[in-house]
PDB file of N, CA and C in Angstrom:
ATOM      1  N   UNK A   1     203.390 109.427  96.565  1.00  0.00           N
ATOM      2  CA  UNK A   1     203.146 108.297  97.434  1.00  0.00           C
ATOM      3  C   UNK A   1     201.682 107.881  97.298  1.00  0.00           C
ATOM      4  N   UNK A   2     201.475 106.596  97.171  1.00  0.00           N
ATOM      5  CA  UNK A   2     200.139 106.027  97.141  1.00  0.00           C
ATOM      6  C   UNK A   2     200.012 105.068  98.316  1.00  0.00           C
ATOM      7  N   UNK A   3     198.955 105.224  99.092  1.00  0.00           N
ATOM      8  CA  UNK A   3     198.682 104.333 100.207  1.00  0.00           C
ATOM      9  C   UNK A   3     197.744 103.241  99.722  1.00  0.00           C
ATOM     10  N   UNK A   4     198.140 101.996  99.928  1.00  0.00           N
ATOM     11  CA  UNK A   4     197.331 100.860  99.493  1.00  0.00           C
ATOM     12  C   UNK A   4     196.855 100.113 100.738  1.00  0.00           C
ATOM     13  N   UNK A   5     195.539 100.019 100.881  1.00  0.00           N
ATOM     14  CA  UNK A   5     194.933  99.310 101.998  1.00  0.00           C
ATOM     15  C   UNK A   5     194.140  98.131 101.451  1.00  0.00           C
ATOM     16  N   UNK A   6     194.345  96.969 102.031  1.00  0.00           N
ATOM     17  CA  UNK A   6     193.621  95.770 101.593  1.00  0.00           C
ATOM     18  C   UNK A   6     192.970  95.133 102.808  1.00  0.00           C
ATOM     19  N   UNK A   7     191.662  94.956 102.739  1.00  0.00           N
ATOM     20  CA  UNK A   7     190.911  94.324 103.829  1.00  0.00           C
ATOM     21  C   UNK A   7     190.703  92.846 103.519  1.00  0.00           C
ATOM     22  N   UNK A   8     190.784  92.044 104.564  1.00  0.00           N
ATOM     23  CA  UNK A   8     190.575  90.612 104.419  1.00  0.00           C
ATOM     24  C   UNK A   8     190.097  90.071 105.758  1.00  0.00           C
ATOM     25  N   UNK A   9     189.727  88.822 105.793  1.00  0.00           N
ATOM     26  CA  UNK A   9     189.329  88.194 107.044  1.00  0.00           C
ATOM     27  C   UNK A   9     189.717  86.731 107.025  1.00  0.00           C
ATOM     28  N   UNK A  10     189.809  86.158 108.210  1.00  0.00           N
ATOM     29  CA  UNK A  10     190.085  84.733 108.353  1.00  0.00           C
ATOM     30  C   UNK A  10     189.405  84.251 109.620  1.00  0.00           C
ATOM     31  N   UNK A  11     189.357  82.965 109.792  1.00  0.00           N
ATOM     32  CA  UNK A  11     188.783  82.367 110.998  1.00  0.00           C
ATOM     33  C   UNK A  11     189.908  81.906 111.913  1.00  0.00           C
ATOM     34  N   UNK A  12     189.721  82.146 113.208  1.00  0.00           N
ATOM     35  CA  UNK A  12     190.698  81.672 114.184  1.00  0.00           C
ATOM     36  C   UNK A  12     190.446  80.189 114.446  1.00  0.00           C
ATOM     37  N   UNK A  13     191.273  79.594 115.268  1.00  0.00           N
ATOM     38  CA  UNK A  13     191.104  78.182 115.609  1.00  0.00           C
ATOM     39  C   UNK A  13     189.785  77.934 116.337  1.00  0.00           C
ATOM     40  N   UNK A  14     189.297  78.935 117.036  1.00  0.00           N
ATOM     41  CA  UNK A  14     188.025  78.801 117.756  1.00  0.00           C
ATOM     42  C   UNK A  14     186.825  79.146 116.880  1.00  0.00           C
ATOM     43  N   UNK A  15     187.063  79.571 115.660  1.00  0.00           N
ATOM     44  CA  UNK A  15     185.972  79.881 114.737  1.00  0.00           C
ATOM     45  C   UNK A  15     185.584  81.349 114.686  1.00  0.00           C
ATOM     46  N   UNK A  16     186.214  82.189 115.511  1.00  0.00           N
ATOM     47  CA  UNK A  16     185.912  83.621 115.487  1.00  0.00           C
ATOM     48  C   UNK A  16     186.521  84.251 114.240  1.00  0.00           C
ATOM     49  N   UNK A  17     185.885  85.295 113.755  1.00  0.00           N
ATOM     50  CA  UNK A  17     186.394  86.009 112.585  1.00  0.00           C
ATOM     51  C   UNK A  17     187.459  87.001 113.050  1.00  0.00           C
ATOM     52  N   UNK A  18     188.588  86.985 112.362  1.00  0.00           N
ATOM     53  CA  UNK A  18     189.658  87.940 112.603  1.00  0.00           C
ATOM     54  C   UNK A  18     189.782  88.785 111.337  1.00  0.00           C
ATOM     55  N   UNK A  19     189.723  90.084 111.516  1.00  0.00           N
ATOM     56  CA  UNK A  19     189.776  91.008 110.387  1.00  0.00           C
ATOM     57  C   UNK A  19     191.219  91.446 110.167  1.00  0.00           C
ATOM     58  N   UNK A  20     191.643  91.420 108.902  1.00  0.00           N
ATOM     59  CA  UNK A  20     193.012  91.773 108.569  1.00  0.00           C
ATOM     60  C   UNK A  20     193.037  93.007 107.676  1.00  0.00           C
ATOM     61  N   UNK A  21     194.010  93.855 107.956  1.00  0.00           N
ATOM     62  CA  UNK A  21     194.228  95.044 107.143  1.00  0.00           C
ATOM     63  C   UNK A  21     195.686  95.046 106.717  1.00  0.00           C
ATOM     64  N   UNK A  22     195.914  94.948 105.413  1.00  0.00           N
ATOM     65  CA  UNK A  22     197.265  95.027 104.874  1.00  0.00           C
ATOM     66  C   UNK A  22     197.514  96.466 104.457  1.00  0.00           C
ATOM     67  N   UNK A  23     198.603  97.041 104.958  1.00  0.00           N
ATOM     68  CA  UNK A  23     198.953  98.432 104.704  1.00  0.00           C
ATOM     69  C   UNK A  23     200.276  98.460 103.954  1.00  0.00           C
ATOM     70  N   UNK A  24     200.305  99.185 102.855  1.00  0.00           N
ATOM     71  CA  UNK A  24     201.522  99.302 102.043  1.00  0.00           C
ATOM     72  C   UNK A  24     201.492 100.648 101.330  1.00  0.00           C
ATOM     73  N   UNK A  25     202.649 101.222 101.122  1.00  0.00           N
ATOM     74  CA  UNK A  25     202.725 102.484 100.383  1.00  0.00           C
ATOM     75  C   UNK A  25     203.661 102.314  99.195  1.00  0.00           C
ATOM     76  N   UNK A  26     203.224 102.794  98.057  1.00  0.00           N
ATOM     77  CA  UNK A  26     204.100 102.868  96.894  1.00  0.00           C
ATOM     78  C   UNK A  26     204.774 104.229  96.960  1.00  0.00           C
ATOM     79  N   UNK A  27     206.077 104.211  97.116  1.00  0.00           N
ATOM     80  CA  UNK A  27     206.826 105.444  97.343  1.00  0.00           C
ATOM     81  C   UNK A  27     207.699 105.730  96.132  1.00  0.00           C
ATOM     82  N   UNK A  28     207.644 106.969  95.687  1.00  0.00           N
ATOM     83  CA  UNK A  28     208.448 107.385  94.540  1.00  0.00           C
ATOM     84  C   UNK A  28     209.922 107.436  94.924  1.00  0.00           C
ATOM     85  N   UNK A  29     210.819 107.298  93.951  1.00  0.00           N
ATOM     86  CA  UNK A  29     212.263 107.301  94.260  1.00  0.00           C
ATOM     87  C   UNK A  29     212.734 108.556  94.998  1.00  0.00           C
ATOM     88  N   UNK A  30     212.226 109.737  94.636  1.00  0.00           N
ATOM     89  CA  UNK A  30     212.641 110.967  95.325  1.00  0.00           C
ATOM     90  C   UNK A  30     212.186 110.948  96.785  1.00  0.00           C
ATOM     91  N   UNK A  31     210.993 110.415  97.029  1.00  0.00           N
ATOM     92  CA  UNK A  31     210.491 110.309  98.398  1.00  0.00           C
ATOM     93  C   UNK A  31     211.307 109.289  99.195  1.00  0.00           C
ATOM     94  N   UNK A  32     211.656 108.187  98.564  1.00  0.00           N
ATOM     95  CA  UNK A  32     212.460 107.167  99.231  1.00  0.00           C
ATOM     96  C   UNK A  32     213.840 107.711  99.589  1.00  0.00           C
ATOM     97  N   UNK A  33     214.376 108.538  98.710  1.00  0.00           N
ATOM     98  CA  UNK A  33     215.667 109.172  98.979  1.00  0.00           C
ATOM     99  C   UNK A  33     215.580 110.049 100.229  1.00  0.00           C
ATOM    100  N   UNK A  34     214.469 110.790 100.372  1.00  0.00           N
ATOM    101  CA  UNK A  34     214.264 111.630 101.569  1.00  0.00           C
ATOM    102  C   UNK A  34     214.104 110.770 102.819  1.00  0.00           C
ATOM    103  N   UNK A  35     213.380 109.675 102.702  1.00  0.00           N
ATOM    104  CA  UNK A  35     213.190 108.777 103.849  1.00  0.00           C
ATOM    105  C   UNK A  35     214.533 108.257 104.332  1.00  0.00           C
ATOM    106  N   UNK A  36     215.382 107.869 103.401  1.00  0.00           N
ATOM    107  CA  UNK A  36     216.697 107.353 103.784  1.00  0.00           C
ATOM    108  C   UNK A  36     217.614 108.474 104.277  1.00  0.00           C
ATOM    109  N   UNK A  37     217.584 109.627 103.616  1.00  0.00           N
ATOM    110  CA  UNK A  37     218.449 110.738 103.990  1.00  0.00           C
ATOM    111  C   UNK A  37     218.148 111.248 105.397  1.00  0.00           C
ATOM    112  N   UNK A  38     216.855 111.388 105.722  1.00  0.00           N
ATOM    113  CA  UNK A  38     216.457 111.908 107.033  1.00  0.00           C
ATOM    114  C   UNK A  38     216.199 110.795 108.060  1.00  0.00           C
ATOM    115  N   UNK A  39     216.467 109.560 107.668  1.00  0.00           N
ATOM    116  CA  UNK A  39     216.323 108.385 108.548  1.00  0.00           C
ATOM    117  C   UNK A  39     214.938 108.332 109.189  1.00  0.00           C
ATOM    118  N   UNK A  40     213.927 108.304 108.337  1.00  0.00           N
ATOM    119  CA  UNK A  40     212.546 108.359 108.800  1.00  0.00           C
ATOM    120  C   UNK A  40     211.871 106.996 108.944  1.00  0.00           C
ATOM    121  N   UNK A  41     212.555 105.905 108.596  1.00  0.00           N
ATOM    122  CA  UNK A  41     211.913 104.587 108.634  1.00  0.00           C
ATOM    123  C   UNK A  41     211.410 104.200 110.012  1.00  0.00           C
ATOM    124  N   UNK A  42     212.085 104.646 111.054  1.00  0.00           N
ATOM    125  CA  UNK A  42     211.657 104.261 112.405  1.00  0.00           C
ATOM    126  C   UNK A  42     210.592 105.207 112.976  1.00  0.00           C
ATOM    127  N   UNK A  43     210.200 106.219 112.226  1.00  0.00           N
ATOM    128  CA  UNK A  43     209.179 107.160 112.679  1.00  0.00           C
ATOM    129  C   UNK A  43     207.831 106.453 112.795  1.00  0.00           C
ATOM    130  N   UNK A  44     207.235 106.490 113.978  1.00  0.00           N
ATOM    131  CA  UNK A  44     205.959 105.827 114.220  1.00  0.00           C
ATOM    132  C   UNK A  44     204.825 106.725 113.736  1.00  0.00           C
ATOM    133  N   UNK A  45     203.984 106.168 112.869  1.00  0.00           N
ATOM    134  CA  UNK A  45     202.848 106.904 112.336  1.00  0.00           C
ATOM    135  C   UNK A  45     201.568 106.608 113.106  1.00  0.00           C
ATOM    136  N   UNK A  46     201.465 105.399 113.639  1.00  0.00           N
ATOM    137  CA  UNK A  46     200.269 105.003 114.375  1.00  0.00           C
ATOM    138  C   UNK A  46     200.651 104.001 115.449  1.00  0.00           C
ATOM    139  N   UNK A  47     200.086 104.168 116.617  1.00  0.00           N
ATOM    140  CA  UNK A  47     200.206 103.168 117.678  1.00  0.00           C
ATOM    141  C   UNK A  47     198.880 103.117 118.408  1.00  0.00           C
ATOM    142  N   UNK A  48     198.442 101.917 118.719  1.00  0.00           N
ATOM    143  CA  UNK A  48     197.135 101.730 119.343  1.00  0.00           C
ATOM    144  C   UNK A  48     197.139 102.205 120.791  1.00  0.00           C
ATOM    145  N   UNK A  49     198.145 101.822 121.539  1.00  0.00           N
ATOM    146  CA  UNK A  49     198.241 102.193 122.952  1.00  0.00           C
ATOM    147  C   UNK A  49     199.625 102.749 123.238  1.00  0.00           C
ATOM    148  N   UNK A  50     199.718 103.555 124.273  1.00  0.00           N
ATOM    149  CA  UNK A  50     200.993 104.120 124.702  1.00  0.00           C
ATOM    150  C   UNK A  50     201.246 103.666 126.132  1.00  0.00           C
ATOM    151  N   UNK A  51     202.496 103.276 126.419  1.00  0.00           N
ATOM    152  CA  UNK A  51     202.845 102.847 127.765  1.00  0.00           C
ATOM    153  C   UNK A  51     202.887 104.075 128.666  1.00  0.00           C
ATOM    154  N   UNK A  52     202.067 104.053 129.713  1.00  0.00           N
ATOM    155  CA  UNK A  52     202.038 105.162 130.656  1.00  0.00           C
ATOM    156  C   UNK A  52     203.046 104.893 131.775  1.00  0.00           C
ATOM    157  N   UNK A  53     202.973 103.711 132.375  1.00  0.00           N
ATOM    158  CA  UNK A  53     203.883 103.330 133.454  1.00  0.00           C
ATOM    159  C   UNK A  53     204.794 102.232 132.928  1.00  0.00           C
ATOM    160  N   UNK A  54     206.091 102.519 132.867  1.00  0.00           N
ATOM    161  CA  UNK A  54     207.049 101.572 132.287  1.00  0.00           C
ATOM    162  C   UNK A  54     207.357 100.394 133.209  1.00  0.00           C
ATOM    163  N   UNK A  55     207.163 100.524 134.494  1.00  0.00           N
ATOM    164  CA  UNK A  55     207.479  99.450 135.424  1.00  0.00           C
ATOM    165  C   UNK A  55     208.972  99.377 135.675  1.00  0.00           C
ATOM    166  N   UNK A  56     209.352  98.579 136.664  1.00  0.00           N
ATOM    167  CA  UNK A  56     210.762  98.462 137.015  1.00  0.00           C
ATOM    168  C   UNK A  56     211.157  97.006 137.128  1.00  0.00           C
ATOM    169  N   UNK A  57     212.419  96.789 136.950  1.00  0.00           N
ATOM    170  CA  UNK A  57     212.972  95.458 137.152  1.00  0.00           C
ATOM    171  C   UNK A  57     212.504  94.452 136.121  1.00  0.00           C
ATOM    172  N   UNK A  58     212.583  93.185 136.505  1.00  0.00           N
ATOM    173  CA  UNK A  58     212.236  92.089 135.604  1.00  0.00           C
ATOM    174  C   UNK A  58     210.753  92.113 135.235  1.00  0.00           C
ATOM    175  N   UNK A  59     209.898  92.390 136.197  1.00  0.00           N
ATOM    176  CA  UNK A  59     208.465  92.455 135.924  1.00  0.00           C
ATOM    177  C   UNK A  59     208.142  93.576 134.939  1.00  0.00           C
ATOM    178  N   UNK A  60     208.794  94.719 135.080  1.00  0.00           N
ATOM    179  CA  UNK A  60     208.597  95.817 134.141  1.00  0.00           C
ATOM    180  C   UNK A  60     209.058  95.453 132.739  1.00  0.00           C
ATOM    181  N   UNK A  61     210.194  94.760 132.657  1.00  0.00           N
ATOM    182  CA  UNK A  61     210.711  94.325 131.355  1.00  0.00           C
ATOM    183  C   UNK A  61     209.749  93.353 130.688  1.00  0.00           C
ATOM    184  N   UNK A  62     209.245  92.396 131.451  1.00  0.00           N
ATOM    185  CA  UNK A  62     208.308  91.415 130.898  1.00  0.00           C
ATOM    186  C   UNK A  62     207.025  92.103 130.443  1.00  0.00           C
ATOM    187  N   UNK A  63     206.520  93.035 131.244  1.00  0.00           N
ATOM    188  CA  UNK A  63     205.280  93.720 130.858  1.00  0.00           C
ATOM    189  C   UNK A  63     205.488  94.573 129.605  1.00  0.00           C
ATOM    190  N   UNK A  64     206.649  95.210 129.464  1.00  0.00           N
ATOM    191  CA  UNK A  64     206.920  96.004 128.253  1.00  0.00           C
ATOM    192  C   UNK A  64     207.036  95.115 127.018  1.00  0.00           C
ATOM    193  N   UNK A  65     207.656  93.955 127.169  1.00  0.00           N
ATOM    194  CA  UNK A  65     207.774  93.028 126.037  1.00  0.00           C
ATOM    195  C   UNK A  65     206.407  92.499 125.615  1.00  0.00           C
ATOM    196  N   UNK A  66     205.566  92.150 126.591  1.00  0.00           N
ATOM    197  CA  UNK A  66     204.207  91.702 126.265  1.00  0.00           C
ATOM    198  C   UNK A  66     203.406  92.823 125.605  1.00  0.00           C
ATOM    199  N   UNK A  67     203.556  94.034 126.119  1.00  0.00           N
ATOM    200  CA  UNK A  67     202.860  95.178 125.549  1.00  0.00           C
ATOM    201  C   UNK A  67     203.258  95.382 124.094  1.00  0.00           C
ATOM    202  N   UNK A  68     204.554  95.293 123.820  1.00  0.00           N
ATOM    203  CA  UNK A  68     205.036  95.461 122.438  1.00  0.00           C
ATOM    204  C   UNK A  68     204.492  94.382 121.523  1.00  0.00           C
ATOM    205  N   UNK A  69     204.421  93.156 122.030  1.00  0.00           N
ATOM    206  CA  UNK A  69     203.945  92.043 121.208  1.00  0.00           C
ATOM    207  C   UNK A  69     202.458  92.166 120.888  1.00  0.00           C
ATOM    208  N   UNK A  70     201.672  92.709 121.818  1.00  0.00           N
ATOM    209  CA  UNK A  70     200.226  92.778 121.640  1.00  0.00           C
ATOM    210  C   UNK A  70     199.741  94.103 121.067  1.00  0.00           C
ATOM    211  N   UNK A  71     200.578  95.114 121.049  1.00  0.00           N
ATOM    212  CA  UNK A  71     200.179  96.434 120.588  1.00  0.00           C
ATOM    213  C   UNK A  71     200.299  96.534 119.064  1.00  0.00           C
ATOM    214  N   UNK A  72     199.436  97.329 118.472  1.00  0.00           N
ATOM    215  CA  UNK A  72     199.496  97.593 117.037  1.00  0.00           C
ATOM    216  C   UNK A  72     200.276  98.886 116.837  1.00  0.00           C
ATOM    217  N   UNK A  73     201.316  98.819 116.034  1.00  0.00           N
ATOM    218  CA  UNK A  73     202.124  99.994 115.752  1.00  0.00           C
ATOM    219  C   UNK A  73     202.539  99.963 114.281  1.00  0.00           C
ATOM    220  N   UNK A  74     202.458 101.107 113.621  1.00  0.00           N
ATOM    221  CA  UNK A  74     202.845 101.196 112.205  1.00  0.00           C
ATOM    222  C   UNK A  74     203.833 102.338 112.041  1.00  0.00           C
ATOM    223  N   UNK A  75     204.985 102.019 111.468  1.00  0.00           N
ATOM    224  CA  UNK A  75     206.032 103.011 111.243  1.00  0.00           C
ATOM    225  C   UNK A  75     206.165 103.278 109.745  1.00  0.00           C
ATOM    226  N   UNK A  76     207.013 104.232 109.405  1.00  0.00           N
ATOM    227  CA  UNK A  76     207.284 104.526 107.993  1.00  0.00           C
ATOM    228  C   UNK A  76     207.882 103.295 107.310  1.00  0.00           C
ATOM    229  N   UNK A  77     208.772 102.598 108.012  1.00  0.00           N
ATOM    230  CA  UNK A  77     209.352 101.374 107.465  1.00  0.00           C
ATOM    231  C   UNK A  77     208.293 100.322 107.160  1.00  0.00           C
ATOM    232  N   UNK A  78     207.268 100.249 108.010  1.00  0.00           N
ATOM    233  CA  UNK A  78     206.170  99.314 107.755  1.00  0.00           C
ATOM    234  C   UNK A  78     205.410  99.700 106.499  1.00  0.00           C
ATOM    235  N   UNK A  79     205.235 100.995 106.269  1.00  0.00           N
ATOM    236  CA  UNK A  79     204.578 101.431 105.033  1.00  0.00           C
ATOM    237  C   UNK A  79     205.406 101.061 103.814  1.00  0.00           C
ATOM    238  N   UNK A  80     206.707 101.241 103.931  1.00  0.00           N
ATOM    239  CA  UNK A  80     207.594 100.952 102.803  1.00  0.00           C
ATOM    240  C   UNK A  80     207.579  99.451 102.474  1.00  0.00           C
ATOM    241  N   UNK A  81     207.654  98.621 103.504  1.00  0.00           N
ATOM    242  CA  UNK A  81     207.755  97.169 103.291  1.00  0.00           C
ATOM    243  C   UNK A  81     206.407  96.457 103.353  1.00  0.00           C
ATOM    244  N   UNK A  82     205.400  97.126 103.873  1.00  0.00           N
ATOM    245  CA  UNK A  82     204.084  96.522 104.025  1.00  0.00           C
ATOM    246  C   UNK A  82     203.931  95.893 105.398  1.00  0.00           C
ATOM    247  N   UNK A  83     202.721  95.946 105.930  1.00  0.00           N
ATOM    248  CA  UNK A  83     202.458  95.359 107.239  1.00  0.00           C
ATOM    249  C   UNK A  83     201.022  94.884 107.290  1.00  0.00           C
ATOM    250  N   UNK A  84     200.824  93.761 107.974  1.00  0.00           N
ATOM    251  CA  UNK A  84     199.490  93.211 108.192  1.00  0.00           C
ATOM    252  C   UNK A  84     199.092  93.445 109.636  1.00  0.00           C
ATOM    253  N   UNK A  85     197.897  94.000 109.815  1.00  0.00           N
ATOM    254  CA  UNK A  85     197.349  94.255 111.143  1.00  0.00           C
ATOM    255  C   UNK A  85     196.109  93.383 111.296  1.00  0.00           C
ATOM    256  N   UNK A  86     196.037  92.647 112.404  1.00  0.00           N
ATOM    257  CA  UNK A  86     194.872  91.811 112.668  1.00  0.00           C
ATOM    258  C   UNK A  86     194.072  92.422 113.807  1.00  0.00           C
ATOM    259  N   UNK A  87     192.765  92.499 113.614  1.00  0.00           N
ATOM    260  CA  UNK A  87     191.865  93.123 114.583  1.00  0.00           C
ATOM    261  C   UNK A  87     190.764  92.152 114.972  1.00  0.00           C
ATOM    262  N   UNK A  88     190.225  92.354 116.159  1.00  0.00           N
ATOM    263  CA  UNK A  88     189.175  91.477 116.668  1.00  0.00           C
ATOM    264  C   UNK A  88     187.790  91.848 116.169  1.00  0.00           C
ATOM    265  N   UNK A  89     187.622  93.105 115.761  1.00  0.00           N
ATOM    266  CA  UNK A  89     186.309  93.521 115.262  1.00  0.00           C
ATOM    267  C   UNK A  89     186.488  94.391 114.023  1.00  0.00           C
ATOM    268  N   UNK A  90     185.429  94.466 113.242  1.00  0.00           N
ATOM    269  CA  UNK A  90     185.477  95.289 112.038  1.00  0.00           C
ATOM    270  C   UNK A  90     185.560  96.767 112.408  1.00  0.00           C
ATOM    271  N   UNK A  91     184.965  97.138 113.546  1.00  0.00           N
ATOM    272  CA  UNK A  91     185.024  98.527 114.007  1.00  0.00           C
ATOM    273  C   UNK A  91     186.454  98.906 114.343  1.00  0.00           C
ATOM    274  N   UNK A  92     187.175  98.016 115.016  1.00  0.00           N
ATOM    275  CA  UNK A  92     188.588  98.277 115.331  1.00  0.00           C
ATOM    276  C   UNK A  92     189.407  98.400 114.054  1.00  0.00           C
ATOM    277  N   UNK A  93     189.136  97.518 113.077  1.00  0.00           N
ATOM    278  CA  UNK A  93     189.877  97.570 111.812  1.00  0.00           C
ATOM    279  C   UNK A  93     189.629  98.884 111.078  1.00  0.00           C
ATOM    280  N   UNK A  94     188.372  99.339 111.058  1.00  0.00           N
ATOM    281  CA  UNK A  94     188.060 100.595 110.382  1.00  0.00           C
ATOM    282  C   UNK A  94     188.679 101.791 111.105  1.00  0.00           C
ATOM    283  N   UNK A  95     188.757 101.720 112.428  1.00  0.00           N
ATOM    284  CA  UNK A  95     189.391 102.802 113.189  1.00  0.00           C
ATOM    285  C   UNK A  95     190.886 102.855 112.882  1.00  0.00           C
ATOM    286  N   UNK A  96     191.523 101.686 112.823  1.00  0.00           N
ATOM    287  CA  UNK A  96     192.951 101.629 112.473  1.00  0.00           C
ATOM    288  C   UNK A  96     193.152 102.172 111.063  1.00  0.00           C
ATOM    289  N   UNK A  97     192.298 101.748 110.136  1.00  0.00           N
ATOM    290  CA  UNK A  97     192.402 102.213 108.747  1.00  0.00           C
ATOM    291  C   UNK A  97     192.289 103.726 108.664  1.00  0.00           C
ATOM    292  N   UNK A  98     191.337 104.299 109.373  1.00  0.00           N
ATOM    293  CA  UNK A  98     191.139 105.745 109.352  1.00  0.00           C
ATOM    294  C   UNK A  98     192.358 106.478 109.909  1.00  0.00           C
ATOM    295  N   UNK A  99     192.893 105.989 111.009  1.00  0.00           N
ATOM    296  CA  UNK A  99     194.060 106.641 111.614  1.00  0.00           C
ATOM    297  C   UNK A  99     195.299 106.503 110.738  1.00  0.00           C
ATOM    298  N   UNK A 100     195.449 105.359 110.079  1.00  0.00           N
ATOM    299  CA  UNK A 100     196.587 105.173 109.175  1.00  0.00           C
ATOM    300  C   UNK A 100     196.470 106.116 107.987  1.00  0.00           C
ATOM    301  N   UNK A 101     195.263 106.299 107.464  1.00  0.00           N
ATOM    302  CA  UNK A 101     195.065 107.244 106.356  1.00  0.00           C
ATOM    303  C   UNK A 101     195.477 108.658 106.763  1.00  0.00           C
ATOM    304  N   UNK A 102     195.024 109.097 107.925  1.00  0.00           N
ATOM    305  CA  UNK A 102     195.370 110.437 108.403  1.00  0.00           C
ATOM    306  C   UNK A 102     196.870 110.580 108.631  1.00  0.00           C
ATOM    307  N   UNK A 103     197.484 109.547 109.223  1.00  0.00           N
ATOM    308  CA  UNK A 103     198.929 109.585 109.463  1.00  0.00           C
ATOM    309  C   UNK A 103     199.697 109.617 108.148  1.00  0.00           C
ATOM    310  N   UNK A 104     199.223 108.869 107.145  1.00  0.00           N
ATOM    311  CA  UNK A 104     199.882 108.854 105.843  1.00  0.00           C
ATOM    312  C   UNK A 104     199.761 110.210 105.152  1.00  0.00           C
ATOM    313  N   UNK A 105     198.618 110.881 105.311  1.00  0.00           N
ATOM    314  CA  UNK A 105     198.454 112.228 104.739  1.00  0.00           C
ATOM    315  C   UNK A 105     199.446 113.203 105.373  1.00  0.00           C
ATOM    316  N   UNK A 106     199.578 113.121 106.690  1.00  0.00           N
ATOM    317  CA  UNK A 106     200.527 113.982 107.391  1.00  0.00           C
ATOM    318  C   UNK A 106     201.946 113.677 106.961  1.00  0.00           C
ATOM    319  N   UNK A 107     202.264 112.389 106.827  1.00  0.00           N
ATOM    320  CA  UNK A 107     203.609 112.011 106.405  1.00  0.00           C
ATOM    321  C   UNK A 107     203.896 112.464 104.983  1.00  0.00           C
ATOM    322  N   UNK A 108     202.884 112.477 104.138  1.00  0.00           N
ATOM    323  CA  UNK A 108     203.057 112.985 102.775  1.00  0.00           C
ATOM    324  C   UNK A 108     203.450 114.460 102.808  1.00  0.00           C
ATOM    325  N   UNK A 109     202.859 115.228 103.729  1.00  0.00           N
ATOM    326  CA  UNK A 109     203.240 116.635 103.895  1.00  0.00           C
ATOM    327  C   UNK A 109     204.696 116.756 104.347  1.00  0.00           C
ATOM    328  N   UNK A 110     205.120 115.864 105.226  1.00  0.00           N
ATOM    329  CA  UNK A 110     206.522 115.850 105.684  1.00  0.00           C
ATOM    330  C   UNK A 110     207.447 115.561 104.505  1.00  0.00           C
ATOM    331  N   UNK A 111     207.087 114.565 103.690  1.00  0.00           N
ATOM    332  CA  UNK A 111     207.911 114.244 102.521  1.00  0.00           C
ATOM    333  C   UNK A 111     207.943 115.397 101.535  1.00  0.00           C
ATOM    334  N   UNK A 112     206.832 116.057 101.354  1.00  0.00           N
ATOM    335  CA  UNK A 112     206.777 117.201 100.444  1.00  0.00           C
ATOM    336  C   UNK A 112     207.705 118.313 100.932  1.00  0.00           C
ATOM    337  N   UNK A 113     207.681 118.583 102.228  1.00  0.00           N
ATOM    338  CA  UNK A 113     208.571 119.605 102.791  1.00  0.00           C
ATOM    339  C   UNK A 113     210.035 119.176 102.663  1.00  0.00           C
ATOM    340  N   UNK A 114     210.309 117.897 102.873  1.00  0.00           N
ATOM    341  CA  UNK A 114     211.686 117.405 102.814  1.00  0.00           C
ATOM    342  C   UNK A 114     212.261 117.482 101.402  1.00  0.00           C
ATOM    343  N   UNK A 115     211.426 117.340 100.394  1.00  0.00           N
ATOM    344  CA  UNK A 115     211.919 117.402  99.016  1.00  0.00           C
ATOM    345  C   UNK A 115     212.121 118.831  98.530  1.00  0.00           C
ATOM    346  N   UNK A 116     211.629 119.817  99.284  1.00  0.00           N
ATOM    347  CA  UNK A 116     211.735 121.211  98.847  1.00  0.00           C
ATOM    348  C   UNK A 116     212.735 122.038  99.644  1.00  0.00           C
ATOM    349  N   UNK A 117     213.626 121.394 100.378  1.00  0.00           N
ATOM    350  CA  UNK A 117     214.649 122.168 101.064  1.00  0.00           C
ATOM    351  C   UNK A 117     215.633 122.700 100.041  1.00  0.00           C
ATOM    352  N   UNK A 118     216.074 123.917 100.248  1.00  0.00           N
ATOM    353  CA  UNK A 118     217.048 124.521  99.335  1.00  0.00           C
ATOM    354  C   UNK A 118     216.383 125.278  98.201  1.00  0.00           C
ATOM    355  N   UNK A 119     215.078 125.360  98.197  1.00  0.00           N
ATOM    356  CA  UNK A 119     214.377 126.092  97.155  1.00  0.00           C
ATOM    357  C   UNK A 119     213.278 126.906  97.798  1.00  0.00           C
ATOM    358  N   UNK A 120     212.443 127.478  96.969  1.00  0.00           N
ATOM    359  CA  UNK A 120     211.316 128.212  97.522  1.00  0.00           C
ATOM    360  C   UNK A 120     210.050 127.755  96.837  1.00  0.00           C
ATOM    361  N   UNK A 121     208.958 128.008  97.487  1.00  0.00           N
ATOM    362  CA  UNK A 121     207.663 127.558  96.996  1.00  0.00           C
ATOM    363  C   UNK A 121     206.709 128.763  97.040  1.00  0.00           C
ATOM    364  N   UNK A 122     205.988 128.997  95.952  1.00  0.00           N
ATOM    365  CA  UNK A 122     204.998 130.071  95.891  1.00  0.00           C
ATOM    366  C   UNK A 122     203.639 129.475  96.180  1.00  0.00           C
ATOM    367  N   UNK A 123     202.938 130.062  97.144  1.00  0.00           N
ATOM    368  CA  UNK A 123     201.634 129.561  97.559  1.00  0.00           C
ATOM    369  C   UNK A 123     200.612 130.663  97.307  1.00  0.00           C
ATOM    370  N   UNK A 124     199.597 130.335  96.534  1.00  0.00           N
ATOM    371  CA  UNK A 124     198.532 131.284  96.257  1.00  0.00           C
ATOM    372  C   UNK A 124     197.559 131.285  97.413  1.00  0.00           C
ATOM    373  N   UNK A 125     197.234 132.469  97.916  1.00  0.00           N
ATOM    374  CA  UNK A 125     196.306 132.577  99.056  1.00  0.00           C
ATOM    375  C   UNK A 125     194.982 133.126  98.620  1.00  0.00           C
TER     376      UNK A 125
END
């Protein structure tokens, strides 16, 4: 698996700079087979915020929908198909990039373990 990160920027309608990070992974066929076999596409690798209080009723539903629309979240499926994340500052973009890198490293370990079921592995200590 290769993680591909592309940084870019654009101007908003008000003239502010918006920083963009395109995230994509090149996944080998054996790894893709594991992703499909273990149904890992919906596995969340990164999320900016977590809902603490879900709320109740119609107001809770509306707040959860707004939260989902405004929150940054990256799943395995997003890595496979690619995803663009827009940030308000370069510091936020770099923080997202760093967390995505760490999450991708961890996910690579998961894929490595998934491809070695049914066999054994010798580890030199």
